């Protein structure tokens, strides 16, 4: 299935690719690469030399694994293992407030269109979705009245 990136109402193609193995790390410094936590922990010396490096965390992984290296990442992508796991919402908020992370935070995996508004409110910039479903996602975004109903 073809994937696209939504950044609020803007739709574009993904410029980053997930690195399958460290052996396939491009020599070019202009390639945009996302690595796993394991790849980062095992190869951070090499990866820190890349200009466009990102990290992908599953929803059951904490950003604390890479806290000391946070400024190396141009993008942090949270992969939701299930739509019922809300931990990445808290992790994104922590990135913005506690760690002062200014770069892109992206959601991927098992996310529902009606969660899009809340992702944005927690600090996510973008979400990776199936291209065929972008209309549903954009419709959910349009329904946001901007009101917060918390006591």
Protein backbone atom coordinates (compact mmCIF):
# COMPACT_ATOMS: atom_id res chain seq x y z
CA UNK A 1 0.00 0.00 0.00
CA UNK A 2 1.25 3.42 -0.94
CA UNK A 3 1.93 5.68 2.03
CA UNK A 4 1.82 9.48 2.21
CA UNK A 5 2.64 12.00 4.90
CA UNK A 6 0.08 14.43 6.30
CA UNK A 7 1.33 17.58 7.95
CA UNK A 8 -1.90 19.23 9.07
CA UNK A 9 -3.76 19.57 5.74
CA UNK A 10 -0.66 19.27 3.55
CA UNK A 11 -0.08 15.93 1.80
CA UNK A 12 3.36 14.93 0.53
CA UNK A 13 5.57 11.94 -0.21
CA UNK A 14 7.88 10.59 2.48
CA UNK A 15 11.44 11.84 2.03
CA UNK A 16 12.81 9.48 4.67
CA UNK A 17 13.36 5.75 4.37
CA UNK A 18 13.64 3.18 7.14
CA UNK A 19 17.12 1.67 7.23
CA UNK A 20 16.85 -2.12 7.01
CA UNK A 21 20.41 -2.77 8.16
CA UNK A 22 23.47 -0.69 8.91
CA UNK A 23 25.18 -2.30 5.89
CA UNK A 24 22.71 -0.43 3.67
CA UNK A 25 23.50 2.98 5.14
CA UNK A 26 23.93 5.36 2.19
CA UNK A 27 27.30 7.02 1.73
CA UNK A 28 25.64 10.27 0.68
CA UNK A 29 25.03 12.73 3.48
CA UNK A 30 21.93 14.08 1.72
CA UNK A 31 19.92 10.84 2.08
CA UNK A 32 17.23 11.02 4.77
CA UNK A 33 17.32 7.92 6.96
CA UNK A 34 15.32 6.65 9.95
CA UNK A 35 16.90 4.03 12.19
CA UNK A 36 15.60 1.87 15.02
CA UNK A 37 16.62 2.34 18.64
CA UNK A 38 18.75 -0.81 18.43
CA UNK A 39 20.55 0.45 15.31
CA UNK A 40 21.17 3.80 17.00
CA UNK A 41 22.50 2.30 20.23
CA UNK A 42 24.83 -0.05 18.32
CA UNK A 43 26.03 2.42 15.64
CA UNK A 44 25.54 5.94 16.97
CA UNK A 45 29.13 6.99 16.25
CA UNK A 46 28.65 6.36 12.52
CA UNK A 47 25.06 7.63 12.44
CA UNK A 48 25.90 10.91 14.18
CA UNK A 49 27.86 11.88 11.08
CA UNK A 50 24.68 11.88 8.97
CA UNK A 51 23.02 15.23 8.29
CA UNK A 52 19.46 13.86 8.05
CA UNK A 53 18.99 11.14 10.63
CA UNK A 54 15.81 10.13 12.36
CA UNK A 55 14.82 7.47 14.84
CA UNK A 56 11.81 5.20 14.93
CA UNK A 57 10.44 4.09 18.27
CA UNK A 58 7.68 1.57 18.75
CA UNK A 59 4.91 2.65 21.10
CA UNK A 60 6.34 0.39 23.81
CA UNK A 61 9.77 2.10 23.68
CA UNK A 62 10.63 5.21 25.66
CA UNK A 63 12.43 8.23 24.27
CA UNK A 64 14.65 8.03 27.38
CA UNK A 65 16.79 5.45 25.50
CA UNK A 66 18.17 8.26 23.33
CA UNK A 67 17.61 11.34 25.49
CA UNK A 68 21.27 12.36 25.51
CA UNK A 69 21.40 12.23 21.70
CA UNK A 70 18.10 14.04 21.02
CA UNK A 71 19.71 16.93 19.12
CA UNK A 72 21.04 14.63 16.39
CA UNK A 73 17.56 13.72 15.16
CA UNK A 74 15.77 15.68 12.43
CA UNK A 75 12.73 13.45 12.92
CA UNK A 76 11.40 11.14 15.61
CA UNK A 77 8.82 8.66 14.38
CA UNK A 78 6.57 6.80 16.80
CA UNK A 79 5.18 3.56 15.43
CA UNK A 80 1.86 2.79 17.14
CA UNK A 81 1.69 -0.98 17.64
CA UNK A 82 -2.03 -0.69 18.41
CA UNK A 83 -4.44 2.24 18.29
CA UNK A 84 -5.23 1.60 21.98
CA UNK A 85 -1.68 2.40 23.12
CA UNK A 86 -1.50 6.08 24.00
CA UNK A 87 2.06 6.21 25.28
CA UNK A 88 3.42 8.04 22.21
CA UNK A 89 1.02 10.92 22.95
CA UNK A 90 2.80 11.40 26.30
CA UNK A 91 6.23 10.87 24.78
CA UNK A 92 5.58 13.55 22.13
CA UNK A 93 4.45 16.00 24.81
CA UNK A 94 7.59 15.18 26.82
CA UNK A 95 9.74 15.80 23.74
CA UNK A 96 8.21 19.24 23.20
CA UNK A 97 7.98 20.43 26.81
CA UNK A 98 10.75 18.70 28.74
CA UNK A 99 13.34 18.08 26.01
CA UNK A 100 12.53 21.26 23.98
CA UNK A 101 12.62 19.21 20.75
CA UNK A 102 11.89 21.50 17.78
CA UNK A 103 12.21 19.09 14.86
CA UNK A 104 9.56 16.83 13.33
CA UNK A 105 7.63 14.25 15.35
CA UNK A 106 5.74 11.77 13.17
CA UNK A 107 3.18 9.09 13.96
CA UNK A 108 2.88 5.84 12.02
CA UNK A 109 1.33 2.44 12.42
CA UNK A 110 -2.07 1.71 13.94
CA UNK A 111 -3.66 5.13 14.30
CA UNK A 112 -7.26 6.13 13.70
CA UNK A 113 -8.26 9.25 11.74
CA UNK A 114 -10.18 10.64 14.72
CA UNK A 115 -6.93 10.59 16.72
CA UNK A 116 -5.28 13.00 14.28
CA UNK A 117 -6.40 16.17 16.04
CA UNK A 118 -5.11 14.87 19.37
CA UNK A 119 -1.78 13.89 17.81
CA UNK A 120 -1.34 17.47 16.63
CA UNK A 121 -2.31 18.85 20.04
CA UNK A 122 0.30 16.66 21.76
CA UNK A 123 3.13 17.87 19.56
CA UNK A 124 3.14 15.62 16.50
CA UNK A 125 3.79 17.43 13.21
CA UNK A 126 2.90 14.66 10.81
CA UNK A 127 1.40 11.23 10.35
CA UNK A 128 2.18 8.47 7.86
CA UNK A 129 -1.02 7.03 6.38
CA UNK A 130 -2.27 5.00 3.45
CA UNK A 131 -2.71 7.25 0.44
CA UNK A 132 -6.21 5.90 -0.26
CA UNK A 133 -7.41 7.04 3.20
CA UNK A 134 -6.19 10.64 3.14
CA UNK A 135 -9.68 12.07 2.52
CA UNK A 136 -10.96 10.54 5.79
CA UNK A 137 -8.02 11.98 7.68
CA UNK A 138 -8.45 15.43 6.19
CA UNK A 139 -12.19 15.34 6.92
CA UNK A 140 -11.45 14.60 10.59
CA UNK A 141 -9.06 17.54 10.70
CA UNK A 142 -11.70 19.87 9.25
CA UNK A 143 -14.14 18.86 12.01
CA UNK A 144 -11.84 20.22 14.73
CA UNK A 145 -13.56 23.23 16.27
CA UNK A 146 -10.48 24.07 18.33
CA UNK A 147 -12.40 23.66 21.57
CA UNK A 148 -11.00 21.68 24.47
CA UNK A 149 -13.58 19.93 26.66
CA UNK A 150 -11.60 19.12 29.76
CA UNK A 151 -12.87 19.98 33.22
